[in-house]
Amino acid sequence: MSTSQWTTLPNVDGIPENTKLLEAVVDFEKDKDARVAVIYGKDGCFCSGWDLDSLFGEDEKGAMNMSKLPGLLGPPRRNLISKPMIAAVNGLAVAGGLELALLCDMRVAEEDAVFGVYSKKYGVPLVGGGTVRLPALIGVSRAVDLILTGRGVSGQEALQMGLANRIVDRGTAVGEAVKMATLIAKYPQEYMLADRKSVYYATYNAKTHDDALLFEHDNGKEIIAKGSEGSPGFPSGAGSEDNGSDAKKKGKKPGTFHRL
């Protein structure tokens, strides 16, 4: 499995780090060889959100600077990253850190991970997509519970409510997320990205049920047409786990992923 650029970022905490994170996401999207991104925190914490001291500085300078970024944490205010991202959550994913995790397609959480809207305790509202993505993922009732109470959610409860996709042992989230990224990167990307786009359209953009169904049809039929015209491996299911060894035999790279 070949890999593209590897970038380790500190926990997001202030404008300089946020800018680096946004730049890393933009670079990932531009990198034609990078198929999946894994984002993780250092020093036992995924991300605890914005540095409130810098946000509410003298003369409310920090708050007034909010418009200079796509969001307080950079990427979360983006509508949709063009390629899959997986959050490897260790320790706290709270406040803006929760919103950063919600931006990702999937969340691999360690058993001692904690998700929560802790910013509520300090009178700071969600401004990085939390009120949009959280109810879409876990339902309005559960989202309102977390947002209004500000309580922390353990990894196991996060898994039960659909906030986490996998629960793993402590210290293994990054490795498990990379395994998932490796699997996803092996599949024919055009087909996978088409389905991903249809899912998010149905979730966030479709005006009606029929609208979502028609979008899926129109979005998918061009891919099917390309396959019927002789797209490599279309009939034989290239990219599947059963055929992964075939790609190696033919000297092809299964794909690449990008770690943020």
Protein backbone atom coordinates (compact mmCIF):
# COMPACT_ATOMS: atom_id res chain seq x y z
CA MET A 1 0.00 0.00 0.00
CA SER A 2 1.65 3.20 -1.10
CA THR A 3 1.10 6.30 0.95
CA SER A 4 1.03 9.94 0.08
CA GLN A 5 2.02 12.87 2.29
CA TRP A 6 1.97 12.23 6.03
CA THR A 7 1.23 15.25 8.19
CA THR A 8 0.96 15.10 11.98
CA LEU A 9 -0.91 18.05 13.44
CA PRO A 10 -1.21 19.17 17.07
CA ASN A 11 -4.56 19.38 18.78
CA VAL A 12 -6.43 22.27 17.27
CA ASP A 13 -6.24 25.16 19.70
CA GLY A 14 -6.09 28.64 18.22
CA ILE A 15 -5.79 30.35 14.85
CA PRO A 16 -2.27 29.18 13.79
CA GLU A 17 -3.11 25.49 14.27
CA ASN A 18 -6.54 25.95 12.69
CA THR A 19 -4.94 27.45 9.62
CA LYS A 20 -2.58 24.47 9.37
CA LEU A 21 -5.49 22.08 9.64
CA LEU A 22 -7.45 23.85 6.94
CA GLU A 23 -4.39 23.91 4.69
CA ALA A 24 -3.87 20.18 5.26
CA VAL A 25 -7.47 19.42 4.28
CA VAL A 26 -7.19 21.56 1.15
CA ASP A 27 -3.90 19.83 0.24
CA PHE A 28 -5.56 16.45 0.75
CA GLU A 29 -8.38 17.38 -1.62
CA LYS A 30 -5.93 18.58 -4.25
CA ASP A 31 -3.72 15.50 -4.00
CA LYS A 32 -4.93 13.20 -6.78
CA ASP A 33 -3.09 10.24 -5.27
CA ALA A 34 -4.64 10.64 -1.82
CA ARG A 35 -7.95 8.82 -1.41
CA VAL A 36 -8.72 8.81 2.31
CA ALA A 37 -7.60 11.04 5.19
CA VAL A 38 -7.13 10.06 8.83
CA ILE A 39 -7.20 12.88 11.35
CA TYR A 40 -6.13 12.43 14.96
CA GLY A 41 -4.93 14.35 18.01
CA LYS A 42 -1.73 14.13 20.01
CA ASP A 43 -0.91 13.87 23.70
CA GLY A 44 -3.99 11.86 24.66
CA CYS A 45 -6.60 14.21 23.28
CA PHE A 46 -8.34 14.34 19.90
CA CYS A 47 -9.38 17.99 20.20
CA SER A 48 -10.88 20.00 23.04
CA GLY A 49 -11.91 22.93 20.87
CA TRP A 50 -10.98 26.55 20.63
CA ASP A 51 -8.74 28.40 23.08
CA LEU A 52 -11.38 30.55 24.79
CA ASP A 53 -8.79 33.04 26.05
CA SER A 54 -7.87 33.89 22.47
CA LEU A 55 -11.50 33.86 21.38
CA PHE A 56 -12.68 36.34 23.99
CA GLY A 57 -9.71 38.65 24.17
CA GLU A 58 -9.59 42.34 24.86
CA ASP A 59 -12.28 44.37 23.09
CA GLU A 60 -13.85 41.13 21.88
CA LYS A 61 -11.11 41.04 19.27
CA GLY A 62 -11.06 37.25 19.05
CA ALA A 63 -14.79 36.95 18.44
CA MET A 64 -14.69 39.65 15.78
CA ASN A 65 -12.01 37.69 13.92
CA MET A 66 -14.28 34.68 13.47
CA SER A 67 -15.24 35.72 9.95
CA LYS A 68 -11.60 35.48 8.84
CA LEU A 69 -11.81 31.68 8.85
CA PRO A 70 -14.28 29.25 7.30
CA GLY A 71 -15.00 28.32 10.94
CA LEU A 72 -13.40 28.54 14.35
CA LEU A 73 -11.60 25.26 13.71
CA GLY A 74 -11.04 25.84 10.01
CA PRO A 75 -12.59 22.94 8.05
CA PRO A 76 -15.82 22.15 9.99
CA ARG A 77 -17.84 24.93 8.36
CA ARG A 78 -17.10 23.43 4.95
CA ASN A 79 -20.15 21.84 3.33
CA LEU A 80 -18.56 18.56 2.32
CA ILE A 81 -14.97 17.44 1.96
CA SER A 82 -14.66 15.89 -1.50
CA LYS A 83 -13.06 12.65 -0.27
CA PRO A 84 -13.55 10.46 2.82
CA MET A 85 -12.05 11.44 6.16
CA ILE A 86 -11.87 9.25 9.26
CA ALA A 87 -11.48 10.63 12.78
CA ALA A 88 -9.33 8.55 15.13
CA VAL A 89 -10.66 9.75 18.47
CA ASN A 90 -8.61 9.36 21.62
CA GLY A 91 -9.47 11.17 24.83
CA LEU A 92 -11.64 14.26 24.48
CA ALA A 93 -13.58 15.22 21.37
CA VAL A 94 -15.55 18.08 22.87
CA ALA A 95 -16.89 21.48 21.86
CA GLY A 96 -15.22 22.41 18.57
CA GLY A 97 -13.39 19.09 18.70
CA LEU A 98 -16.74 17.32 18.52
CA GLU A 99 -17.62 19.40 15.46
CA LEU A 100 -14.31 18.43 13.89
CA ALA A 101 -15.10 14.75 14.47
CA LEU A 102 -18.59 15.24 13.03
CA LEU A 103 -17.07 16.62 9.83
CA CYS A 104 -15.46 13.25 9.18
CA ASP A 105 -17.30 10.42 7.45
CA MET A 106 -16.55 7.98 10.26
CA ARG A 107 -15.26 8.06 13.81
CA VAL A 108 -13.09 5.32 15.32
CA ALA A 109 -13.11 5.94 19.08
CA GLU A 110 -10.98 4.47 21.80
CA GLU A 111 -12.79 2.95 24.78
CA ASP A 112 -11.97 5.92 27.03
CA ALA A 113 -12.95 8.57 24.47
CA VAL A 114 -15.43 11.25 25.52
CA PHE A 115 -17.70 13.23 23.19
CA GLY A 116 -19.56 16.30 24.36
CA VAL A 117 -20.73 19.87 23.83
CA TYR A 118 -18.60 21.21 26.68
CA SER A 119 -18.61 24.70 25.19
CA LYS A 120 -22.16 25.02 26.56
CA LYS A 121 -20.71 25.28 30.06
CA TYR A 122 -18.85 28.45 29.05
CA GLY A 123 -21.68 30.10 27.16
CA VAL A 124 -20.16 29.41 23.73
CA PRO A 125 -22.61 28.21 21.05
CA LEU A 126 -21.83 25.69 18.33
CA VAL A 127 -20.73 27.53 15.20
CA GLY A 128 -18.85 24.81 13.30
CA GLY A 129 -21.71 22.69 12.03
CA GLY A 130 -22.55 20.93 15.28
CA THR A 131 -26.25 21.79 15.28
CA VAL A 132 -26.48 20.59 11.66
CA ARG A 133 -24.43 17.39 11.64
CA LEU A 134 -25.15 16.04 15.12
CA PRO A 135 -28.95 15.62 14.68
CA ALA A 136 -28.36 14.24 11.19
CA LEU A 137 -26.14 11.53 12.67
CA ILE A 138 -27.90 10.59 15.90
CA GLY A 139 -31.39 12.09 15.63
CA VAL A 140 -32.90 15.29 16.99
CA SER A 141 -33.84 13.92 20.42
CA ARG A 142 -30.35 12.67 21.27
CA ALA A 143 -28.68 15.72 19.74
CA VAL A 144 -30.81 18.08 21.82
CA ASP A 145 -29.93 16.03 24.91
CA LEU A 146 -26.20 16.52 24.35
CA ILE A 147 -26.50 20.16 23.30
CA LEU A 148 -28.74 21.32 26.15
CA THR A 149 -27.15 19.34 28.99
CA GLY A 150 -23.53 19.59 27.86
CA ARG A 151 -22.92 16.13 29.31
CA GLY A 152 -20.08 13.92 28.18
CA VAL A 153 -20.75 10.70 26.28
CA SER A 154 -18.50 7.68 26.69
CA GLY A 155 -17.19 5.71 23.75
CA GLN A 156 -19.68 2.88 24.32
CA GLU A 157 -22.68 5.20 24.51
CA ALA A 158 -21.41 7.04 21.44
CA LEU A 159 -21.35 3.71 19.60
CA GLN A 160 -24.89 2.86 20.72
CA MET A 161 -26.30 6.17 19.52
CA GLY A 162 -24.41 6.10 16.21
CA LEU A 163 -21.97 8.88 17.01
CA ALA A 164 -19.00 6.46 16.89
CA ASN A 165 -18.65 3.80 14.20
CA ARG A 166 -16.09 1.61 15.99
CA ILE A 167 -14.86 1.27 19.57
CA VAL A 168 -11.29 0.06 19.95
CA ASP A 169 -8.76 -0.46 22.73
CA ARG A 170 -6.87 2.46 24.14
CA GLY A 171 -3.96 3.49 21.96
CA THR A 172 -5.22 1.73 18.82
CA ALA A 173 -7.61 4.25 17.20
CA VAL A 174 -5.10 5.54 14.68
CA GLY A 175 -4.06 2.05 13.60
CA GLU A 176 -7.68 0.92 13.20
CA ALA A 177 -8.57 4.09 11.30
CA VAL A 178 -5.66 3.49 8.93
CA LYS A 179 -6.89 -0.07 8.35
CA MET A 180 -10.30 1.30 7.42
CA ALA A 181 -8.70 3.90 5.16
CA THR A 182 -6.65 1.19 3.48
CA LEU A 183 -9.76 -0.86 2.78
CA ILE A 184 -11.69 2.12 1.40
CA ALA A 185 -8.75 3.19 -0.77
CA LYS A 186 -8.70 -0.21 -2.49
CA TYR A 187 -12.15 0.19 -4.01
CA PRO A 188 -12.81 1.83 -7.42
CA GLN A 189 -13.01 5.43 -6.31
CA GLU A 190 -15.40 6.83 -8.88
CA TYR A 191 -18.11 4.38 -7.84
CA MET A 192 -17.49 4.83 -4.13
CA LEU A 193 -17.50 8.63 -4.32
CA ALA A 194 -20.74 8.61 -6.31
CA ASP A 195 -22.53 6.65 -3.58
CA ARG A 196 -21.02 8.86 -0.89
CA LYS A 197 -22.23 11.97 -2.69
CA SER A 198 -25.74 10.54 -2.98
CA VAL A 199 -25.85 9.73 0.74
CA TYR A 200 -24.92 13.27 1.74
CA TYR A 201 -27.29 14.81 -0.78
CA ALA A 202 -30.16 12.76 0.62
CA THR A 203 -29.20 13.72 4.17
CA TYR A 204 -28.59 17.44 3.82
CA ASN A 205 -29.81 18.78 0.49
CA ALA A 206 -32.75 16.81 -0.86
CA LYS A 207 -36.06 18.68 -0.68
CA THR A 208 -38.18 15.54 -0.92
CA HIS A 209 -37.81 11.77 -0.83
CA ASP A 210 -38.34 11.65 -4.60
CA ASP A 211 -35.68 14.33 -5.06
CA ALA A 212 -33.17 12.14 -3.21
CA LEU A 213 -34.08 9.08 -5.28
CA LEU A 214 -33.78 10.97 -8.57
CA PHE A 215 -30.41 12.39 -7.56
CA GLU A 216 -29.14 8.92 -6.72
CA HIS A 217 -30.35 7.64 -10.09
CA ASP A 218 -28.81 10.47 -12.11
CA ASN A 219 -25.61 10.44 -10.09
CA GLY A 220 -25.15 6.70 -10.45
CA LYS A 221 -26.23 5.99 -14.00
CA GLU A 222 -23.25 7.78 -15.55
CA ILE A 223 -20.90 5.62 -13.49
CA ILE A 224 -22.76 2.49 -14.54
CA ALA A 225 -22.61 3.58 -18.17
CA LYS A 226 -18.86 4.04 -17.93
CA GLY A 227 -18.56 0.58 -16.42
CA SER A 228 -20.59 -1.03 -19.17
CA GLU A 229 -18.32 0.63 -21.71
CA GLY A 230 -15.38 -1.32 -20.38
CA SER A 231 -14.21 0.33 -17.18
CA PRO A 232 -11.38 -1.92 -15.89
CA GLY A 233 -12.62 -4.53 -13.51
CA PHE A 234 -16.28 -3.42 -13.48
CA PRO A 235 -17.82 -6.83 -14.19
CA SER A 236 -15.30 -8.74 -12.08
CA GLY A 237 -15.59 -6.52 -9.02
CA ALA A 238 -12.05 -5.20 -8.95
CA GLY A 239 -11.19 -3.52 -5.71
CA SER A 240 -13.06 -5.98 -3.54
CA GLU A 241 -11.29 -7.79 -0.73
CA ASP A 242 -11.42 -11.03 -2.70
CA ASN A 243 -9.69 -9.46 -5.67
CA GLY A 244 -7.17 -7.28 -3.85
CA SER A 245 -4.38 -9.68 -4.69
CA ASP A 246 -5.20 -9.42 -8.39
CA ALA A 247 -4.25 -5.76 -8.39
CA LYS A 248 -0.86 -6.62 -6.96
CA LYS A 249 -0.31 -9.30 -9.56
CA LYS A 250 -0.99 -6.79 -12.31
CA GLY A 251 1.39 -4.28 -10.75
CA LYS A 252 -1.37 -1.82 -9.81
CA LYS A 253 -1.49 0.17 -6.59
CA PRO A 254 -4.71 -0.47 -4.62
CA GLY A 255 -4.86 3.22 -3.71
CA THR A 256 -3.44 5.79 -1.36
CA PHE A 257 -4.62 7.52 1.75
CA HIS A 258 -3.63 10.72 3.44
CA ARG A 259 -3.15 11.20 7.15
CA LEU A 260 -3.85 14.65 8.56
